[in-house]
Amino acid sequence: MSIFTLAVEAFPQLVQGVIATLRLMVLSFLLAIVLALPIALARMSRSHVLKVAAHTYVEVVRGMPSLTLLFLIYFGLPSFGVTLSAVDAAIFGLGLNGAAYVSEIYRAGIQAIDDGQREAAQMVGLRRWQVMRYVVLPQALRIVIPPLANFSISLLKDTSVASLISAPEMMLQARDLTSEYFMPLQIYTIIGVMYLLMALPLSFLARQLARHLSVRSPEETVYSNGKV
């Protein structure tokens, strides 16, 4: 059987794997970007407790393989009476893992904003949270969007580890197809091409965002919006 014939016959299962992989990536990405902001703000807060707690979380999670975190969630939480499905455990695990990395992207973007703008905003009467909301975060957003697009590519590839807890994504479909057709080289070649086809648009988007968002400086964006 040729690789083309194999791809045609296995097409329904491959499509199911693609849909499951994209769903897993999108939900994990959303969880990561939501959790990452309070973590980043905690690392820059004046509270020593918050700062230490956020720093500890980031260092522990970044130093731990994502697969280990998935195993702890999927196999460990039932010991405490919490049982998650393979998909939910994968989303939760990849989201928590991603939040540690995205928080550093946020922190770098926020710290890239000149302190003079914060001081100027406070001089016109804005409170600290207002300075962050109306002055710092809108500018930091332009800085962090391209790295976030690159992070989504890494997350897409990281979803492959979810097959080890039986989440029905592409690698699990590949394993099932291998046991059915006994053509591992051809099947994993097809899977590799499919990952590439999904990653290429994200890579193109990241480049376009980086090019577009570098046209104007962050200061021009804020002043044109009338925030300061």
N, C-alpha and C. Protein backbone atom coordinates (compact mmCIF):
# COMPACT_ATOMS: atom_id res chain seq x y z
N MET A 1 0.85 -1.20 0.00
CA MET A 1 0.00 0.00 0.00
C MET A 1 0.89 1.25 0.00
N SER A 2 0.58 2.18 -0.89
CA SER A 2 1.36 3.41 -0.95
C SER A 2 0.97 4.35 0.18
N ILE A 3 1.84 5.31 0.46
CA ILE A 3 1.56 6.26 1.54
C ILE A 3 0.34 7.12 1.21
N PHE A 4 0.13 7.40 -0.09
CA PHE A 4 -1.04 8.18 -0.49
C PHE A 4 -2.32 7.40 -0.25
N THR A 5 -2.33 6.13 -0.62
CA THR A 5 -3.51 5.28 -0.39
C THR A 5 -3.79 5.15 1.10
N LEU A 6 -2.73 5.01 1.88
CA LEU A 6 -2.88 4.92 3.33
C LEU A 6 -3.50 6.19 3.89
N ALA A 7 -3.04 7.34 3.41
CA ALA A 7 -3.57 8.61 3.89
C ALA A 7 -5.05 8.76 3.57
N VAL A 8 -5.45 8.28 2.37
CA VAL A 8 -6.85 8.37 1.97
C VAL A 8 -7.72 7.45 2.84
N GLU A 9 -7.25 6.24 3.07
CA GLU A 9 -8.03 5.28 3.87
C GLU A 9 -8.13 5.73 5.33
N ALA A 10 -7.07 6.30 5.84
CA ALA A 10 -7.05 6.71 7.25
C ALA A 10 -7.55 8.14 7.46
N PHE A 11 -8.03 8.78 6.40
CA PHE A 11 -8.41 10.19 6.46
C PHE A 11 -9.41 10.50 7.58
N PRO A 12 -10.49 9.73 7.75
CA PRO A 12 -11.44 10.06 8.83
C PRO A 12 -10.79 10.06 10.21
N GLN A 13 -9.93 9.09 10.50
CA GLN A 13 -9.26 9.05 11.79
C GLN A 13 -8.26 10.20 11.94
N LEU A 14 -7.59 10.51 10.84
CA LEU A 14 -6.63 11.62 10.88
C LEU A 14 -7.33 12.94 11.14
N VAL A 15 -8.49 13.14 10.52
CA VAL A 15 -9.25 14.38 10.75
C VAL A 15 -9.70 14.48 12.20
N GLN A 16 -10.13 13.38 12.76
CA GLN A 16 -10.51 13.38 14.17
C GLN A 16 -9.33 13.77 15.05
N GLY A 17 -8.15 13.24 14.70
CA GLY A 17 -6.96 13.58 15.47
C GLY A 17 -6.59 15.04 15.34
N VAL A 18 -6.73 15.61 14.14
CA VAL A 18 -6.43 17.02 13.92
C VAL A 18 -7.37 17.90 14.74
N ILE A 19 -8.66 17.59 14.69
CA ILE A 19 -9.64 18.38 15.43
C ILE A 19 -9.36 18.31 16.93
N ALA A 20 -9.07 17.11 17.43
CA ALA A 20 -8.77 16.96 18.86
C ALA A 20 -7.50 17.70 19.24
N THR A 21 -6.48 17.66 18.39
CA THR A 21 -5.22 18.36 18.66
C THR A 21 -5.42 19.86 18.70
N LEU A 22 -6.15 20.41 17.73
CA LEU A 22 -6.39 21.85 17.68
C LEU A 22 -7.23 22.30 18.88
N ARG A 23 -8.21 21.50 19.23
CA ARG A 23 -9.03 21.84 20.41
C ARG A 23 -8.17 21.84 21.67
N LEU A 24 -7.33 20.85 21.80
CA LEU A 24 -6.45 20.76 22.96
C LEU A 24 -5.49 21.94 23.00
N MET A 25 -4.95 22.31 21.86
CA MET A 25 -4.01 23.43 21.82
C MET A 25 -4.70 24.74 22.17
N VAL A 26 -5.86 25.00 21.56
CA VAL A 26 -6.56 26.27 21.77
C VAL A 26 -6.98 26.43 23.23
N LEU A 27 -7.58 25.40 23.81
CA LEU A 27 -8.03 25.50 25.20
C LEU A 27 -6.86 25.62 26.17
N SER A 28 -5.77 24.90 25.91
CA SER A 28 -4.58 25.02 26.76
C SER A 28 -3.97 26.41 26.62
N PHE A 29 -3.96 26.94 25.41
CA PHE A 29 -3.41 28.28 25.17
C PHE A 29 -4.23 29.33 25.92
N LEU A 30 -5.55 29.24 25.83
CA LEU A 30 -6.41 30.21 26.52
C LEU A 30 -6.20 30.14 28.03
N LEU A 31 -6.10 28.92 28.57
CA LEU A 31 -5.87 28.77 30.00
C LEU A 31 -4.52 29.37 30.39
N ALA A 32 -3.51 29.14 29.57
CA ALA A 32 -2.17 29.65 29.87
C ALA A 32 -2.12 31.17 29.88
N ILE A 33 -2.72 31.81 28.88
CA ILE A 33 -2.62 33.27 28.80
C ILE A 33 -3.46 33.95 29.88
N VAL A 34 -4.51 33.28 30.35
CA VAL A 34 -5.32 33.86 31.43
C VAL A 34 -4.59 33.73 32.77
N LEU A 35 -4.05 32.55 33.05
CA LEU A 35 -3.36 32.33 34.32
C LEU A 35 -2.04 33.09 34.41
N ALA A 36 -1.41 33.34 33.27
CA ALA A 36 -0.07 33.92 33.27
C ALA A 36 -0.06 35.37 33.75
N LEU A 37 -1.13 36.13 33.47
CA LEU A 37 -1.11 37.55 33.83
C LEU A 37 -1.04 37.77 35.34
N PRO A 38 -1.92 37.14 36.15
CA PRO A 38 -1.75 37.32 37.61
C PRO A 38 -0.42 36.81 38.13
N ILE A 39 0.12 35.77 37.51
CA ILE A 39 1.44 35.28 37.94
C ILE A 39 2.51 36.33 37.66
N ALA A 40 2.45 36.93 36.47
CA ALA A 40 3.43 37.97 36.12
C ALA A 40 3.30 39.17 37.03
N LEU A 41 2.07 39.59 37.30
CA LEU A 41 1.86 40.75 38.18
C LEU A 41 2.32 40.44 39.60
N ALA A 42 2.11 39.19 40.04
CA ALA A 42 2.56 38.81 41.38
C ALA A 42 4.08 38.86 41.48
N ARG A 43 4.76 38.48 40.41
CA ARG A 43 6.23 38.52 40.43
C ARG A 43 6.76 39.94 40.50
N MET A 44 5.96 40.91 40.07
CA MET A 44 6.40 42.30 40.10
C MET A 44 5.74 43.10 41.22
N SER A 45 4.99 42.43 42.08
CA SER A 45 4.27 43.13 43.14
C SER A 45 5.21 43.54 44.27
N ARG A 46 4.70 44.38 45.14
CA ARG A 46 5.48 44.81 46.29
C ARG A 46 5.42 43.80 47.42
N SER A 47 4.45 42.88 47.34
CA SER A 47 4.31 41.87 48.39
C SER A 47 5.38 40.80 48.23
N HIS A 48 6.15 40.62 49.27
CA HIS A 48 7.22 39.62 49.24
C HIS A 48 6.63 38.21 49.12
N VAL A 49 5.51 37.98 49.78
CA VAL A 49 4.88 36.66 49.75
C VAL A 49 4.43 36.32 48.34
N LEU A 50 3.72 37.25 47.69
CA LEU A 50 3.26 37.02 46.32
C LEU A 50 4.43 36.82 45.37
N LYS A 51 5.46 37.63 45.56
CA LYS A 51 6.62 37.55 44.69
C LYS A 51 7.31 36.19 44.81
N VAL A 52 7.50 35.73 46.04
CA VAL A 52 8.15 34.44 46.26
C VAL A 52 7.29 33.29 45.74
N ALA A 53 5.98 33.37 45.99
CA ALA A 53 5.08 32.31 45.54
C ALA A 53 5.07 32.20 44.02
N ALA A 54 4.99 33.34 43.33
CA ALA A 54 4.96 33.33 41.88
C ALA A 54 6.30 32.86 41.31
N HIS A 55 7.39 33.32 41.92
CA HIS A 55 8.72 32.90 41.46
C HIS A 55 8.91 31.40 41.64
N THR A 56 8.45 30.87 42.77
CA THR A 56 8.57 29.44 43.03
C THR A 56 7.77 28.64 42.01
N TYR A 57 6.55 29.09 41.73
CA TYR A 57 5.71 28.40 40.75
C TYR A 57 6.39 28.35 39.38
N VAL A 58 6.88 29.48 38.94
CA VAL A 58 7.51 29.56 37.62
C VAL A 58 8.73 28.66 37.54
N GLU A 59 9.58 28.72 38.55
CA GLU A 59 10.81 27.94 38.51
C GLU A 59 10.53 26.44 38.60
N VAL A 60 9.57 26.04 39.43
CA VAL A 60 9.26 24.61 39.58
C VAL A 60 8.64 24.06 38.30
N VAL A 61 7.67 24.77 37.74
CA VAL A 61 6.98 24.28 36.55
C VAL A 61 7.90 24.30 35.33
N ARG A 62 8.71 25.33 35.20
CA ARG A 62 9.63 25.39 34.06
C ARG A 62 10.71 24.32 34.16
N GLY A 63 11.04 23.92 35.37
CA GLY A 63 12.06 22.89 35.54
C GLY A 63 11.51 21.48 35.49
N MET A 64 10.20 21.36 35.30
CA MET A 64 9.55 20.05 35.29
C MET A 64 9.08 19.73 33.87
N PRO A 65 9.39 18.54 33.35
CA PRO A 65 8.88 18.16 32.03
C PRO A 65 7.35 18.22 32.00
N SER A 66 6.79 18.68 30.91
CA SER A 66 5.33 18.79 30.81
C SER A 66 4.65 17.43 30.99
N LEU A 67 5.32 16.36 30.55
CA LEU A 67 4.75 15.03 30.70
C LEU A 67 4.62 14.65 32.18
N THR A 68 5.60 15.02 32.98
CA THR A 68 5.53 14.75 34.41
C THR A 68 4.34 15.44 35.04
N LEU A 69 4.11 16.68 34.65
CA LEU A 69 2.97 17.44 35.17
C LEU A 69 1.66 16.79 34.77
N LEU A 70 1.58 16.32 33.53
CA LEU A 70 0.37 15.63 33.08
C LEU A 70 0.13 14.35 33.88
N PHE A 71 1.19 13.60 34.14
CA PHE A 71 1.06 12.38 34.93
C PHE A 71 0.60 12.68 36.36
N LEU A 72 1.17 13.74 36.96
CA LEU A 72 0.77 14.11 38.31
C LEU A 72 -0.71 14.47 38.38
N ILE A 73 -1.19 15.14 37.35
CA ILE A 73 -2.60 15.55 37.33
C ILE A 73 -3.51 14.36 37.04
N TYR A 74 -3.16 13.58 36.02
CA TYR A 74 -4.04 12.50 35.58
C TYR A 74 -4.02 11.31 36.53
N PHE A 75 -2.83 10.94 37.00
CA PHE A 75 -2.72 9.77 37.87
C PHE A 75 -2.66 10.12 39.35
N GLY A 76 -2.24 11.35 39.67
CA GLY A 76 -2.06 11.73 41.06
C GLY A 76 -3.30 12.30 41.72
N LEU A 77 -4.06 13.13 41.00
CA LEU A 77 -5.23 13.76 41.60
C LEU A 77 -6.30 12.79 42.07
N PRO A 78 -6.51 11.63 41.40
CA PRO A 78 -7.51 10.68 41.92
C PRO A 78 -7.22 10.24 43.35
N SER A 79 -5.96 10.30 43.78
CA SER A 79 -5.64 9.95 45.16
C SER A 79 -6.25 10.93 46.16
N PHE A 80 -6.58 12.13 45.67
CA PHE A 80 -7.20 13.16 46.52
C PHE A 80 -8.68 13.32 46.20
N GLY A 81 -9.22 12.36 45.47
CA GLY A 81 -10.64 12.38 45.16
C GLY A 81 -11.02 13.22 43.96
N VAL A 82 -10.04 13.66 43.18
CA VAL A 82 -10.31 14.47 41.99
C VAL A 82 -9.93 13.66 40.76
N THR A 83 -10.92 13.35 39.95
CA THR A 83 -10.68 12.54 38.76
C THR A 83 -11.03 13.36 37.52
N LEU A 84 -10.08 13.50 36.62
CA LEU A 84 -10.28 14.23 35.38
C LEU A 84 -10.19 13.27 34.20
N SER A 85 -10.91 13.60 33.14
CA SER A 85 -10.76 12.83 31.91
C SER A 85 -9.38 13.10 31.32
N ALA A 86 -8.98 12.27 30.38
CA ALA A 86 -7.66 12.44 29.77
C ALA A 86 -7.55 13.80 29.07
N VAL A 87 -8.62 14.20 28.40
CA VAL A 87 -8.60 15.49 27.69
C VAL A 87 -8.52 16.64 28.68
N ASP A 88 -9.36 16.60 29.73
CA ASP A 88 -9.34 17.68 30.73
C ASP A 88 -7.99 17.75 31.44
N ALA A 89 -7.42 16.60 31.76
CA ALA A 89 -6.11 16.58 32.43
C ALA A 89 -5.04 17.16 31.51
N ALA A 90 -5.12 16.85 30.21
CA ALA A 90 -4.14 17.37 29.25
C ALA A 90 -4.27 18.88 29.13
N ILE A 91 -5.50 19.38 29.04
CA ILE A 91 -5.72 20.83 28.95
C ILE A 91 -5.20 21.53 30.20
N PHE A 92 -5.55 20.98 31.35
CA PHE A 92 -5.14 21.57 32.62
C PHE A 92 -3.62 21.55 32.77
N GLY A 93 -3.02 20.41 32.45
CA GLY A 93 -1.57 20.28 32.60
C GLY A 93 -0.80 21.17 31.64
N LEU A 94 -1.19 21.17 30.37
CA LEU A 94 -0.50 22.01 29.40
C LEU A 94 -0.75 23.48 29.66
N GLY A 95 -1.95 23.80 30.17
CA GLY A 95 -2.24 25.19 30.51
C GLY A 95 -1.40 25.68 31.67
N LEU A 96 -1.29 24.86 32.72
CA LEU A 96 -0.45 25.24 33.86
C LEU A 96 1.02 25.35 33.47
N ASN A 97 1.47 24.42 32.65
CA ASN A 97 2.85 24.46 32.19
C ASN A 97 3.10 25.70 31.34
N GLY A 98 2.17 25.98 30.43
CA GLY A 98 2.33 27.14 29.57
C GLY A 98 2.27 28.45 30.33
N ALA A 99 1.46 28.50 31.39
CA ALA A 99 1.32 29.74 32.15
C ALA A 99 2.65 30.20 32.73
N ALA A 100 3.50 29.25 33.11
CA ALA A 100 4.81 29.61 33.67
C ALA A 100 5.67 30.31 32.62
N TYR A 101 5.60 29.84 31.39
CA TYR A 101 6.39 30.45 30.32
C TYR A 101 5.77 31.77 29.85
N VAL A 102 4.45 31.79 29.72
CA VAL A 102 3.79 33.00 29.24
C VAL A 102 3.92 34.13 30.27
N SER A 103 3.93 33.79 31.55
CA SER A 103 4.09 34.82 32.57
C SER A 103 5.41 35.56 32.40
N GLU A 104 6.44 34.85 31.98
CA GLU A 104 7.73 35.50 31.74
C GLU A 104 7.67 36.39 30.50
N ILE A 105 6.89 35.98 29.51
CA ILE A 105 6.68 36.84 28.33
C ILE A 105 5.96 38.12 28.75
N TYR A 106 4.91 37.98 29.57
CA TYR A 106 4.19 39.15 30.06
C TYR A 106 5.12 40.06 30.87
N ARG A 107 5.87 39.45 31.77
CA ARG A 107 6.73 40.24 32.65
C ARG A 107 7.75 41.03 31.85
N ALA A 108 8.34 40.38 30.83
CA ALA A 108 9.31 41.08 29.99
C ALA A 108 8.65 42.22 29.23
N GLY A 109 7.43 41.99 28.74
CA GLY A 109 6.72 43.05 28.02
C GLY A 109 6.38 44.23 28.91
N ILE A 110 5.93 43.95 30.12
CA ILE A 110 5.58 45.03 31.06
C ILE A 110 6.82 45.81 31.48
N GLN A 111 7.89 45.10 31.76
CA GLN A 111 9.12 45.78 32.20
C GLN A 111 9.79 46.55 31.06
N ALA A 112 9.42 46.26 29.82
CA ALA A 112 9.99 46.99 28.69
C ALA A 112 9.42 48.39 28.55
N ILE A 113 8.31 48.67 29.22
CA ILE A 113 7.71 50.00 29.16
C ILE A 113 8.50 50.95 30.05
N ASP A 114 8.83 52.10 29.51
CA ASP A 114 9.68 53.06 30.22
C ASP A 114 9.02 53.55 31.50
N ASP A 115 9.81 53.62 32.57
CA ASP A 115 9.28 54.07 33.86
C ASP A 115 8.77 55.50 33.81
N GLY A 116 9.31 56.28 32.90
CA GLY A 116 8.87 57.67 32.78
C GLY A 116 7.40 57.79 32.44
N GLN A 117 6.88 56.84 31.69
CA GLN A 117 5.46 56.89 31.34
C GLN A 117 4.59 56.59 32.56
N ARG A 118 5.05 55.68 33.41
CA ARG A 118 4.31 55.41 34.65
C ARG A 118 4.29 56.67 35.52
N GLU A 119 5.45 57.32 35.64
CA GLU A 119 5.54 58.51 36.47
C GLU A 119 4.67 59.63 35.91
N ALA A 120 4.67 59.77 34.59
CA ALA A 120 3.84 60.82 33.98
C ALA A 120 2.36 60.55 34.21
N ALA A 121 1.97 59.28 34.11
CA ALA A 121 0.56 58.93 34.33
C ALA A 121 0.14 59.18 35.77
N GLN A 122 1.04 58.89 36.71
CA GLN A 122 0.72 59.12 38.12
C GLN A 122 0.65 60.62 38.42
N MET A 123 1.44 61.41 37.71
CA MET A 123 1.43 62.85 37.92
C MET A 123 0.12 63.48 37.48
N VAL A 124 -0.57 62.88 36.52
CA VAL A 124 -1.86 63.43 36.09
C VAL A 124 -3.01 62.84 36.90
N GLY A 125 -2.69 62.07 37.95
CA GLY A 125 -3.72 61.63 38.87
C GLY A 125 -4.19 60.19 38.74
N LEU A 126 -3.57 59.39 37.90
CA LEU A 126 -3.98 58.01 37.76
C LEU A 126 -3.44 57.17 38.91
N ARG A 127 -4.29 56.25 39.40
CA ARG A 127 -3.85 55.33 40.44
C ARG A 127 -2.97 54.24 39.81
N ARG A 128 -2.34 53.43 40.70
CA ARG A 128 -1.43 52.40 40.21
C ARG A 128 -2.14 51.42 39.28
N TRP A 129 -3.34 50.97 39.66
CA TRP A 129 -4.05 50.01 38.81
C TRP A 129 -4.48 50.66 37.51
N GLN A 130 -4.78 51.97 37.55
CA GLN A 130 -5.16 52.67 36.32
C GLN A 130 -3.95 52.84 35.40
N VAL A 131 -2.81 53.08 35.99
CA VAL A 131 -1.59 53.17 35.18
C VAL A 131 -1.33 51.85 34.47
N MET A 132 -1.49 50.76 35.22
CA MET A 132 -1.29 49.44 34.62
C MET A 132 -2.34 49.16 33.54
N ARG A 133 -3.58 49.51 33.84
CA ARG A 133 -4.69 49.19 32.92
C ARG A 133 -4.65 50.04 31.66
N TYR A 134 -4.43 51.34 31.78
CA TYR A 134 -4.57 52.24 30.65
C TYR A 134 -3.27 52.63 29.96
N VAL A 135 -2.14 52.48 30.66
CA VAL A 135 -0.87 52.92 30.10
C VAL A 135 0.07 51.76 29.80
N VAL A 136 0.30 50.90 30.79
CA VAL A 136 1.32 49.87 30.65
C VAL A 136 0.83 48.68 29.80
N LEU A 137 -0.31 48.10 30.18
CA LEU A 137 -0.76 46.88 29.51
C LEU A 137 -1.06 47.07 28.02
N PRO A 138 -1.69 48.20 27.60
CA PRO A 138 -1.91 48.36 26.15
C PRO A 138 -0.61 48.38 25.35
N GLN A 139 0.44 48.97 25.92
CA GLN A 139 1.72 49.00 25.22
C GLN A 139 2.41 47.64 25.29
N ALA A 140 2.33 46.99 26.46
CA ALA A 140 2.96 45.68 26.61
C ALA A 140 2.32 44.66 25.68
N LEU A 141 1.03 44.83 25.41
CA LEU A 141 0.32 43.88 24.55
C LEU A 141 0.97 43.81 23.17
N ARG A 142 1.37 44.97 22.65
CA ARG A 142 2.02 44.99 21.33
C ARG A 142 3.35 44.24 21.36
N ILE A 143 4.00 44.25 22.51
CA ILE A 143 5.30 43.60 22.62
C ILE A 143 5.16 42.09 22.76
N VAL A 144 4.13 41.65 23.49
CA VAL A 144 4.03 40.22 23.82
C VAL A 144 3.30 39.40 22.77
N ILE A 145 2.55 40.03 21.87
CA ILE A 145 1.77 39.26 20.90
C ILE A 145 2.65 38.37 20.01
N PRO A 146 3.73 38.88 19.41
CA PRO A 146 4.56 37.98 18.59
C PRO A 146 5.14 36.79 19.36
N PRO A 147 5.70 36.99 20.58
CA PRO A 147 6.16 35.81 21.34
C PRO A 147 5.03 34.85 21.68
N LEU A 148 3.83 35.37 21.90
CA LEU A 148 2.70 34.48 22.18
C LEU A 148 2.36 33.62 20.97
N ALA A 149 2.49 34.21 19.78
CA ALA A 149 2.26 33.43 18.56
C ALA A 149 3.30 32.32 18.44
N ASN A 150 4.54 32.62 18.78
CA ASN A 150 5.58 31.59 18.76
C ASN A 150 5.31 30.52 19.82
N PHE A 151 4.80 30.95 20.98
CA PHE A 151 4.46 29.99 22.03
C PHE A 151 3.38 29.02 21.56
N SER A 152 2.42 29.52 20.78
CA SER A 152 1.35 28.65 20.30
C SER A 152 1.91 27.53 19.42
N ILE A 153 2.98 27.80 18.69
CA ILE A 153 3.60 26.77 17.86
C ILE A 153 4.21 25.69 18.74
N SER A 154 4.93 26.11 19.77
CA SER A 154 5.51 25.14 20.70
C SER A 154 4.42 24.33 21.40
N LEU A 155 3.33 25.00 21.75
CA LEU A 155 2.24 24.30 22.42
C LEU A 155 1.60 23.27 21.50
N LEU A 156 1.48 23.61 20.22
CA LEU A 156 0.93 22.66 19.25
C LEU A 156 1.74 21.37 19.24
N LYS A 157 3.05 21.50 19.27
CA LYS A 157 3.90 20.31 19.27
C LYS A 157 3.86 19.58 20.61
N ASP A 158 3.70 20.35 21.69
CA ASP A 158 3.66 19.73 23.02
C ASP A 158 2.40 18.91 23.24
N THR A 159 1.36 19.16 22.46
CA THR A 159 0.13 18.36 22.63
C THR A 159 0.38 16.88 22.36
N SER A 160 1.46 16.56 21.67
CA SER A 160 1.74 15.16 21.35
C SER A 160 1.94 14.31 22.61
N VAL A 161 2.39 14.94 23.71
CA VAL A 161 2.63 14.16 24.93
C VAL A 161 1.31 13.71 25.57
N ALA A 162 0.20 14.35 25.17
CA ALA A 162 -1.09 13.99 25.76
C ALA A 162 -1.51 12.58 25.36
N SER A 163 -0.92 12.06 24.30
CA SER A 163 -1.27 10.69 23.88
C SER A 163 -0.86 9.68 24.95
N LEU A 164 0.11 10.02 25.78
CA LEU A 164 0.60 9.08 26.80
C LEU A 164 -0.36 8.95 27.97
N ILE A 165 -1.36 9.83 28.05
CA ILE A 165 -2.44 9.63 29.03
C ILE A 165 -3.74 9.33 28.30
N SER A 166 -3.61 8.91 27.04
CA SER A 166 -4.75 8.45 26.21
C SER A 166 -5.68 9.56 25.78
N ALA A 167 -5.20 10.80 25.72
CA ALA A 167 -6.01 11.87 25.13
C ALA A 167 -6.06 11.63 23.62
N PRO A 168 -7.25 11.70 23.01
CA PRO A 168 -7.40 11.29 21.60
C PRO A 168 -6.93 12.34 20.60
N GLU A 169 -5.63 12.66 20.63
CA GLU A 169 -5.10 13.61 19.65
C GLU A 169 -4.35 12.85 18.56
N MET A 170 -3.57 13.55 17.75
CA MET A 170 -3.02 12.93 16.54
C MET A 170 -2.06 11.79 16.83
N MET A 171 -1.23 11.92 17.85
CA MET A 171 -0.27 10.85 18.12
C MET A 171 -0.95 9.58 18.59
N LEU A 172 -2.05 9.73 19.33
CA LEU A 172 -2.79 8.54 19.73
C LEU A 172 -3.46 7.90 18.52
N GLN A 173 -3.98 8.73 17.62
CA GLN A 173 -4.54 8.19 16.38
C GLN A 173 -3.47 7.49 15.57
N ALA A 174 -2.27 8.03 15.56
CA ALA A 174 -1.16 7.41 14.83
C ALA A 174 -0.83 6.05 15.42
N ARG A 175 -0.85 5.97 16.74
CA ARG A 175 -0.57 4.68 17.40
C ARG A 175 -1.63 3.65 17.05
N ASP A 176 -2.90 4.09 17.04
CA ASP A 176 -3.99 3.16 16.68
C ASP A 176 -3.87 2.72 15.23
N LEU A 177 -3.53 3.66 14.35
CA LEU A 177 -3.40 3.31 12.93
C LEU A 177 -2.21 2.37 12.70
N THR A 178 -1.15 2.55 13.47
CA THR A 178 0.01 1.67 13.34
C THR A 178 -0.35 0.23 13.70
N SER A 179 -1.14 0.08 14.76
CA SER A 179 -1.55 -1.27 15.15
C SER A 179 -2.53 -1.88 14.16
N GLU A 180 -3.18 -1.03 13.37
CA GLU A 180 -4.14 -1.53 12.39
C GLU A 180 -3.50 -1.85 11.05
N TYR A 181 -2.58 -0.98 10.60
CA TYR A 181 -2.00 -1.15 9.27
C TYR A 181 -0.58 -1.71 9.29
N PHE A 182 0.09 -1.67 10.43
CA PHE A 182 1.47 -2.15 10.55
C PHE A 182 2.41 -1.44 9.56
N MET A 183 2.21 -0.11 9.45
CA MET A 183 3.06 0.71 8.57
C MET A 183 3.50 1.95 9.35
N PRO A 184 4.32 1.76 10.40
CA PRO A 184 4.66 2.90 11.28
C PRO A 184 5.40 4.03 10.58
N LEU A 185 6.33 3.69 9.69
CA LEU A 185 7.10 4.75 9.02
C LEU A 185 6.18 5.65 8.20
N GLN A 186 5.31 5.06 7.43
CA GLN A 186 4.41 5.84 6.59
C GLN A 186 3.42 6.65 7.43
N ILE A 187 2.90 6.02 8.48
CA ILE A 187 1.90 6.70 9.30
C ILE A 187 2.50 7.89 10.04
N TYR A 188 3.68 7.69 10.64
CA TYR A 188 4.29 8.80 11.38
C TYR A 188 4.82 9.87 10.44
N THR A 189 5.13 9.50 9.21
CA THR A 189 5.49 10.52 8.21
C THR A 189 4.28 11.39 7.88
N ILE A 190 3.13 10.76 7.73
CA ILE A 190 1.90 11.51 7.48
C ILE A 190 1.59 12.45 8.65
N ILE A 191 1.74 11.93 9.87
CA ILE A 191 1.47 12.74 11.06
C ILE A 191 2.43 13.93 11.13
N GLY A 192 3.71 13.67 10.80
CA GLY A 192 4.68 14.76 10.82
C GLY A 192 4.33 15.85 9.82
N VAL A 193 3.88 15.45 8.64
CA VAL A 193 3.48 16.43 7.63
C VAL A 193 2.27 17.22 8.11
N MET A 194 1.35 16.56 8.77
CA MET A 194 0.16 17.25 9.26
C MET A 194 0.50 18.26 10.35
N TYR A 195 1.42 17.90 11.24
CA TYR A 195 1.88 18.87 12.24
C TYR A 195 2.52 20.07 11.55
N LEU A 196 3.30 19.80 10.52
CA LEU A 196 3.96 20.88 9.78
C LEU A 196 2.94 21.80 9.12
N LEU A 197 1.90 21.21 8.52
CA LEU A 197 0.88 22.01 7.86
C LEU A 197 0.10 22.86 8.84
N MET A 198 -0.03 22.41 10.06
CA MET A 198 -0.71 23.22 11.07
C MET A 198 0.22 24.29 11.64
N ALA A 199 1.51 23.99 11.74
CA ALA A 199 2.45 24.93 12.34
C ALA A 199 2.83 26.06 11.38
N LEU A 200 2.86 25.79 10.09
CA LEU A 200 3.28 26.81 9.12
C LEU A 200 2.41 28.06 9.15
N PRO A 201 1.08 27.95 9.17
CA PRO A 201 0.27 29.18 9.27
C PRO A 201 0.55 29.97 10.54
N LEU A 202 0.77 29.26 11.65
CA LEU A 202 1.08 29.95 12.90
C LEU A 202 2.42 30.66 12.81
N SER A 203 3.39 30.02 12.17
CA SER A 203 4.70 30.64 11.99
C SER A 203 4.59 31.89 11.10
N PHE A 204 3.80 31.79 10.05
CA PHE A 204 3.58 32.95 9.17
C PHE A 204 2.90 34.07 9.94
N LEU A 205 1.90 33.72 10.76
CA LEU A 205 1.20 34.73 11.56
C LEU A 205 2.15 35.41 12.52
N ALA A 206 3.04 34.65 13.16
CA ALA A 206 3.99 35.23 14.10
C ALA A 206 4.90 36.24 13.41
N ARG A 207 5.37 35.88 12.21
CA ARG A 207 6.24 36.82 11.47
C ARG A 207 5.49 38.08 11.07
N GLN A 208 4.25 37.92 10.63
CA GLN A 208 3.47 39.08 10.21
C GLN A 208 3.15 39.99 11.39
N LEU A 209 2.84 39.39 12.53
CA LEU A 209 2.57 40.19 13.72
C LEU A 209 3.80 40.96 14.17
N ALA A 210 4.94 40.28 14.14
CA ALA A 210 6.19 40.94 14.54
C ALA A 210 6.49 42.11 13.61
N ARG A 211 6.27 41.92 12.32
CA ARG A 211 6.53 42.98 11.35
C ARG A 211 5.54 44.13 11.50
N HIS A 212 4.27 43.80 11.68
CA HIS A 212 3.23 44.82 11.77
C HIS A 212 3.35 45.63 13.05
N LEU A 213 3.58 44.94 14.17
CA LEU A 213 3.59 45.62 15.45
C LEU A 213 4.88 46.41 15.69
N SER A 214 5.87 46.22 14.83
CA SER A 214 7.11 46.98 14.98
C SER A 214 7.09 48.24 14.13
N VAL A 215 5.99 48.49 13.42
CA VAL A 215 5.92 49.67 12.56
C VAL A 215 5.87 50.94 13.38
N ARG A 216 5.03 50.92 14.42
CA ARG A 216 4.92 52.08 15.30
C ARG A 216 5.42 51.73 16.68
N SER A 217 5.95 52.72 17.35
CA SER A 217 6.44 52.49 18.71
C SER A 217 5.26 52.37 19.67
N PRO A 218 5.44 51.72 20.82
CA PRO A 218 4.37 51.64 21.82
C PRO A 218 3.87 53.00 22.27
N GLU A 219 4.78 53.99 22.39
CA GLU A 219 4.39 55.31 22.83
C GLU A 219 3.42 55.94 21.85
N GLU A 220 3.65 55.75 20.56
CA GLU A 220 2.76 56.33 19.55
C GLU A 220 1.37 55.73 19.66
N THR A 221 1.31 54.45 19.96
CA THR A 221 0.02 53.77 20.09
C THR A 221 -0.79 54.35 21.24
N VAL A 222 -0.16 54.52 22.40
CA VAL A 222 -0.88 55.00 23.58
C VAL A 222 -1.33 56.43 23.39
N TYR A 223 -0.46 57.30 22.89
CA TYR A 223 -0.82 58.68 22.73
C TYR A 223 -1.92 58.86 21.68
N SER A 224 -1.87 58.04 20.61
CA SER A 224 -2.90 58.12 19.58
C SER A 224 -4.25 57.66 20.10
N ASN A 225 -4.26 56.80 21.11
CA ASN A 225 -5.50 56.33 21.71
C ASN A 225 -6.03 57.29 22.79
N GLY A 226 -5.23 58.29 23.09
CA GLY A 226 -5.65 59.29 24.05
C GLY A 226 -5.67 58.82 25.48
N LYS A 227 -4.85 57.82 25.80
CA LYS A 227 -4.85 57.29 27.15
C LYS A 227 -4.02 58.13 28.11
N VAL A 228 -3.07 58.89 27.56
CA VAL A 228 -2.23 59.70 28.44
C VAL A 228 -2.34 61.16 28.01
